[in-house]
């Protein structure tokens, strides 16, 4: 099987997986005290290579699913903290106070979207959270190789 054949198969599998997903998709933190129901596909999924996301994920990047706020609901107690991003935007992070898992973050000045950090654990749903773009590659660790044929941004594209 050629590389092109493998890519074509991956695209076909991804489309088939997304079309067979039944909403709502559900996910929960490690301890189970916080959960969510996602009622529609994310608007976009990004791999963020900024230093803050590297700290958050303890890995080279963090996966962020940008979701329309009306398409997701959360249950359970959440704690929050806030910082100012390099762009000047406010970034409020919500997490489980019991296990510490980051659930999502958002800009309080633009609450129409949330940036979901916690993914469902069902393997059939994993293709939905494959990054469509890599952002903040200006802070990418040197040893990580970006995938081919994916959008790349030096910083935040919006």
C-alpha atoms as a PDB file:
ATOM      1  CA  UNK A   1       0.000   0.000   0.000  1.00  0.00           C
ATOM      2  CA  UNK A   2       1.446   3.366  -1.031  1.00  0.00           C
ATOM      3  CA  UNK A   3       1.567   6.443   1.212  1.00  0.00           C
ATOM      4  CA  UNK A   4      -1.189   8.035  -0.895  1.00  0.00           C
ATOM      5  CA  UNK A   5      -3.362   4.924  -0.475  1.00  0.00           C
ATOM      6  CA  UNK A   6      -2.838   5.061   3.307  1.00  0.00           C
ATOM      7  CA  UNK A   7      -3.805   8.762   3.417  1.00  0.00           C
ATOM      8  CA  UNK A   8      -6.891   8.104   1.272  1.00  0.00           C
ATOM      9  CA  UNK A   9      -7.868   5.230   3.562  1.00  0.00           C
ATOM     10  CA  UNK A  10      -7.375   7.440   6.656  1.00  0.00           C
ATOM     11  CA  UNK A  11      -9.588  10.172   5.170  1.00  0.00           C
ATOM     12  CA  UNK A  12     -12.254   7.602   4.276  1.00  0.00           C
ATOM     13  CA  UNK A  13     -12.074   6.031   7.757  1.00  0.00           C
ATOM     14  CA  UNK A  14     -12.292   9.485   9.363  1.00  0.00           C
ATOM     15  CA  UNK A  15     -15.360  10.429   7.315  1.00  0.00           C
ATOM     16  CA  UNK A  16     -16.990   7.067   8.044  1.00  0.00           C
ATOM     17  CA  UNK A  17     -16.248   7.392  11.779  1.00  0.00           C
ATOM     18  CA  UNK A  18     -17.626  10.941  11.951  1.00  0.00           C
ATOM     19  CA  UNK A  19     -20.755  10.027   9.983  1.00  0.00           C
ATOM     20  CA  UNK A  20     -21.472   7.044  12.253  1.00  0.00           C
ATOM     21  CA  UNK A  21     -20.961   8.891  15.537  1.00  0.00           C
ATOM     22  CA  UNK A  22     -24.037   9.176  17.669  1.00  0.00           C
ATOM     23  CA  UNK A  23     -24.453  12.398  19.581  1.00  0.00           C
ATOM     24  CA  UNK A  24     -24.208  13.324  22.307  1.00  0.00           C
ATOM     25  CA  UNK A  25     -20.631  12.172  22.814  1.00  0.00           C
ATOM     26  CA  UNK A  26     -19.763  11.912  26.481  1.00  0.00           C
ATOM     27  CA  UNK A  27     -16.529  12.380  28.350  1.00  0.00           C
ATOM     28  CA  UNK A  28     -15.430  12.734  31.943  1.00  0.00           C
ATOM     29  CA  UNK A  29     -12.404  13.634  34.012  1.00  0.00           C
ATOM     30  CA  UNK A  30     -10.158  10.988  35.574  1.00  0.00           C
ATOM     31  CA  UNK A  31     -12.120  10.777  38.815  1.00  0.00           C
ATOM     32  CA  UNK A  32     -15.554  11.008  37.138  1.00  0.00           C
ATOM     33  CA  UNK A  33     -16.771  14.030  39.123  1.00  0.00           C
ATOM     34  CA  UNK A  34     -16.993  16.267  36.029  1.00  0.00           C
ATOM     35  CA  UNK A  35     -18.547  15.159  32.756  1.00  0.00           C
ATOM     36  CA  UNK A  36     -19.742  16.660  29.518  1.00  0.00           C
ATOM     37  CA  UNK A  37     -22.112  15.910  26.672  1.00  0.00           C
ATOM     38  CA  UNK A  38     -21.102  17.140  23.201  1.00  0.00           C
ATOM     39  CA  UNK A  39     -24.081  17.531  20.843  1.00  0.00           C
ATOM     40  CA  UNK A  40     -22.235  18.399  17.586  1.00  0.00           C
ATOM     41  CA  UNK A  41     -18.790  18.085  16.040  1.00  0.00           C
ATOM     42  CA  UNK A  42     -16.148  20.640  17.069  1.00  0.00           C
ATOM     43  CA  UNK A  43     -15.797  23.727  14.872  1.00  0.00           C
ATOM     44  CA  UNK A  44     -12.041  23.074  14.698  1.00  0.00           C
ATOM     45  CA  UNK A  45      -9.423  20.935  16.410  1.00  0.00           C
ATOM     46  CA  UNK A  46      -5.909  22.279  16.916  1.00  0.00           C
ATOM     47  CA  UNK A  47      -2.638  21.086  18.367  1.00  0.00           C
ATOM     48  CA  UNK A  48      -1.215  24.010  20.357  1.00  0.00           C
ATOM     49  CA  UNK A  49       2.546  24.097  20.858  1.00  0.00           C
ATOM     50  CA  UNK A  50       2.681  27.181  23.126  1.00  0.00           C
ATOM     51  CA  UNK A  51       4.672  26.902  26.366  1.00  0.00           C
ATOM     52  CA  UNK A  52       1.483  27.100  28.460  1.00  0.00           C
ATOM     53  CA  UNK A  53      -0.059  24.120  26.637  1.00  0.00           C
ATOM     54  CA  UNK A  54       3.206  22.206  26.962  1.00  0.00           C
ATOM     55  CA  UNK A  55       2.999  22.747  30.738  1.00  0.00           C
ATOM     56  CA  UNK A  56      -0.672  21.769  30.799  1.00  0.00           C
ATOM     57  CA  UNK A  57      -0.238  18.554  28.846  1.00  0.00           C
ATOM     58  CA  UNK A  58       3.303  17.680  30.007  1.00  0.00           C
ATOM     59  CA  UNK A  59       3.952  16.894  26.352  1.00  0.00           C
ATOM     60  CA  UNK A  60       5.048  18.749  23.187  1.00  0.00           C
ATOM     61  CA  UNK A  61       1.528  20.101  22.566  1.00  0.00           C
ATOM     62  CA  UNK A  62      -2.044  20.064  23.789  1.00  0.00           C
ATOM     63  CA  UNK A  63      -5.112  19.163  21.724  1.00  0.00           C
ATOM     64  CA  UNK A  64      -7.878  21.768  21.800  1.00  0.00           C
ATOM     65  CA  UNK A  65     -11.329  21.261  20.302  1.00  0.00           C
ATOM     66  CA  UNK A  66     -13.067  24.577  19.630  1.00  0.00           C
ATOM     67  CA  UNK A  67     -16.761  24.001  20.330  1.00  0.00           C
ATOM     68  CA  UNK A  68     -19.809  26.211  19.960  1.00  0.00           C
ATOM     69  CA  UNK A  69     -20.926  26.845  23.565  1.00  0.00           C
ATOM     70  CA  UNK A  70     -24.524  25.898  22.713  1.00  0.00           C
ATOM     71  CA  UNK A  71     -23.346  22.430  21.573  1.00  0.00           C
ATOM     72  CA  UNK A  72     -21.919  21.264  24.905  1.00  0.00           C
ATOM     73  CA  UNK A  73     -23.085  20.877  28.494  1.00  0.00           C
ATOM     74  CA  UNK A  74     -21.105  20.177  31.652  1.00  0.00           C
ATOM     75  CA  UNK A  75     -22.061  18.577  34.958  1.00  0.00           C
ATOM     76  CA  UNK A  76     -20.134  18.534  38.212  1.00  0.00           C
ATOM     77  CA  UNK A  77     -18.247  21.043  40.294  1.00  0.00           C
ATOM     78  CA  UNK A  78     -15.621  23.102  38.487  1.00  0.00           C
ATOM     79  CA  UNK A  79     -12.910  25.413  39.811  1.00  0.00           C
ATOM     80  CA  UNK A  80     -11.303  28.119  37.708  1.00  0.00           C
ATOM     81  CA  UNK A  81      -8.271  30.320  37.317  1.00  0.00           C
ATOM     82  CA  UNK A  82      -7.499  33.019  34.775  1.00  0.00           C
ATOM     83  CA  UNK A  83      -4.523  34.530  32.975  1.00  0.00           C
ATOM     84  CA  UNK A  84      -3.973  37.089  30.239  1.00  0.00           C
ATOM     85  CA  UNK A  85      -2.731  35.608  26.964  1.00  0.00           C
ATOM     86  CA  UNK A  86       0.018  37.197  24.866  1.00  0.00           C
ATOM     87  CA  UNK A  87      -2.770  38.523  22.591  1.00  0.00           C
ATOM     88  CA  UNK A  88      -4.277  40.418  25.529  1.00  0.00           C
ATOM     89  CA  UNK A  89      -7.283  38.079  25.616  1.00  0.00           C
ATOM     90  CA  UNK A  90      -8.447  36.701  28.937  1.00  0.00           C
ATOM     91  CA  UNK A  91      -8.121  32.936  29.279  1.00  0.00           C
ATOM     92  CA  UNK A  92     -10.264  31.371  32.003  1.00  0.00           C
ATOM     93  CA  UNK A  93      -9.467  27.709  32.668  1.00  0.00           C
ATOM     94  CA  UNK A  94     -11.954  25.341  34.317  1.00  0.00           C
ATOM     95  CA  UNK A  95     -10.834  22.129  35.954  1.00  0.00           C
ATOM     96  CA  UNK A  96     -11.988  19.367  38.301  1.00  0.00           C
ATOM     97  CA  UNK A  97     -11.084  20.323  41.880  1.00  0.00           C
ATOM     98  CA  UNK A  98     -10.743  16.649  42.830  1.00  0.00           C
ATOM     99  CA  UNK A  99      -8.411  15.164  40.182  1.00  0.00           C
ATOM    100  CA  UNK A 100      -7.154  18.396  38.606  1.00  0.00           C
ATOM    101  CA  UNK A 101      -8.015  17.518  34.993  1.00  0.00           C
ATOM    102  CA  UNK A 102      -8.428  20.605  32.801  1.00  0.00           C
ATOM    103  CA  UNK A 103     -11.903  20.415  31.313  1.00  0.00           C
ATOM    104  CA  UNK A 104     -12.031  23.504  29.109  1.00  0.00           C
ATOM    105  CA  UNK A 105     -11.039  27.128  28.834  1.00  0.00           C
ATOM    106  CA  UNK A 106     -12.618  30.181  27.249  1.00  0.00           C
ATOM    107  CA  UNK A 107     -12.348  33.927  26.874  1.00  0.00           C
ATOM    108  CA  UNK A 108     -14.958  35.533  29.191  1.00  0.00           C
ATOM    109  CA  UNK A 109     -15.176  38.414  26.710  1.00  0.00           C
ATOM    110  CA  UNK A 110     -16.141  35.968  23.915  1.00  0.00           C
ATOM    111  CA  UNK A 111     -18.106  33.152  25.623  1.00  0.00           C
ATOM    112  CA  UNK A 112     -19.771  31.866  22.435  1.00  0.00           C
ATOM    113  CA  UNK A 113     -17.039  29.223  22.042  1.00  0.00           C
ATOM    114  CA  UNK A 114     -15.270  26.998  24.523  1.00  0.00           C
ATOM    115  CA  UNK A 115     -11.960  25.258  24.032  1.00  0.00           C
ATOM    116  CA  UNK A 116     -12.487  21.692  25.179  1.00  0.00           C
ATOM    117  CA  UNK A 117      -9.396  20.005  26.591  1.00  0.00           C
ATOM    118  CA  UNK A 118     -10.966  16.789  27.888  1.00  0.00           C
ATOM    119  CA  UNK A 119     -11.638  14.224  25.162  1.00  0.00           C
ATOM    120  CA  UNK A 120     -13.927  11.196  25.108  1.00  0.00           C
ATOM    121  CA  UNK A 121     -12.074   7.962  25.714  1.00  0.00           C
ATOM    122  CA  UNK A 122     -14.012   5.801  23.263  1.00  0.00           C
ATOM    123  CA  UNK A 123     -11.551   4.818  20.522  1.00  0.00           C
ATOM    124  CA  UNK A 124     -14.298   5.057  17.865  1.00  0.00           C
ATOM    125  CA  UNK A 125     -14.562   8.780  18.615  1.00  0.00           C
ATOM    126  CA  UNK A 126     -10.842   9.539  18.432  1.00  0.00           C
ATOM    127  CA  UNK A 127     -10.782  10.609  14.749  1.00  0.00           C
ATOM    128  CA  UNK A 128     -13.125  13.498  15.571  1.00  0.00           C
ATOM    129  CA  UNK A 129     -10.323  15.018  17.675  1.00  0.00           C
ATOM    130  CA  UNK A 130      -7.529  14.736  15.115  1.00  0.00           C
ATOM    131  CA  UNK A 131      -5.887  18.187  14.735  1.00  0.00           C
ATOM    132  CA  UNK A 132      -6.728  20.142  11.598  1.00  0.00           C
ATOM    133  CA  UNK A 133      -4.028  22.718  12.380  1.00  0.00           C
ATOM    134  CA  UNK A 134      -0.933  23.187  14.516  1.00  0.00           C
ATOM    135  CA  UNK A 135      -0.672  26.590  16.228  1.00  0.00           C
ATOM    136  CA  UNK A 136       2.119  28.337  18.112  1.00  0.00           C
ATOM    137  CA  UNK A 137       4.730  26.311  16.245  1.00  0.00           C
ATOM    138  CA  UNK A 138       7.128  29.174  17.005  1.00  0.00           C
ATOM    139  CA  UNK A 139       7.394  27.531  20.458  1.00  0.00           C
ATOM    140  CA  UNK A 140       7.408  23.915  19.223  1.00  0.00           C
ATOM    141  CA  UNK A 141       9.980  21.565  20.773  1.00  0.00           C
ATOM    142  CA  UNK A 142      12.786  20.885  18.324  1.00  0.00           C
ATOM    143  CA  UNK A 143      12.459  17.121  18.128  1.00  0.00           C
ATOM    144  CA  UNK A 144       8.756  17.004  17.203  1.00  0.00           C
ATOM    145  CA  UNK A 145       8.125  16.680  13.453  1.00  0.00           C
ATOM    146  CA  UNK A 146       4.940  18.321  12.181  1.00  0.00           C
ATOM    147  CA  UNK A 147       2.691  16.119  10.034  1.00  0.00           C
ATOM    148  CA  UNK A 148       2.524  16.808   6.312  1.00  0.00           C
ATOM    149  CA  UNK A 149      -0.538  18.438   4.752  1.00  0.00           C
ATOM    150  CA  UNK A 150      -1.778  20.212   7.892  1.00  0.00           C
ATOM    151  CA  UNK A 151      -2.260  23.944   8.430  1.00  0.00           C
ATOM    152  CA  UNK A 152       0.555  25.498  10.470  1.00  0.00           C
ATOM    153  CA  UNK A 153       0.558  28.867  12.269  1.00  0.00           C
ATOM    154  CA  UNK A 154       3.540  30.481  14.001  1.00  0.00           C
ATOM    155  CA  UNK A 155       1.197  31.923  16.658  1.00  0.00           C
ATOM    156  CA  UNK A 156      -2.548  32.096  17.264  1.00  0.00           C
ATOM    157  CA  UNK A 157      -4.431  32.419  13.956  1.00  0.00           C
ATOM    158  CA  UNK A 158      -7.418  34.295  15.429  1.00  0.00           C
END
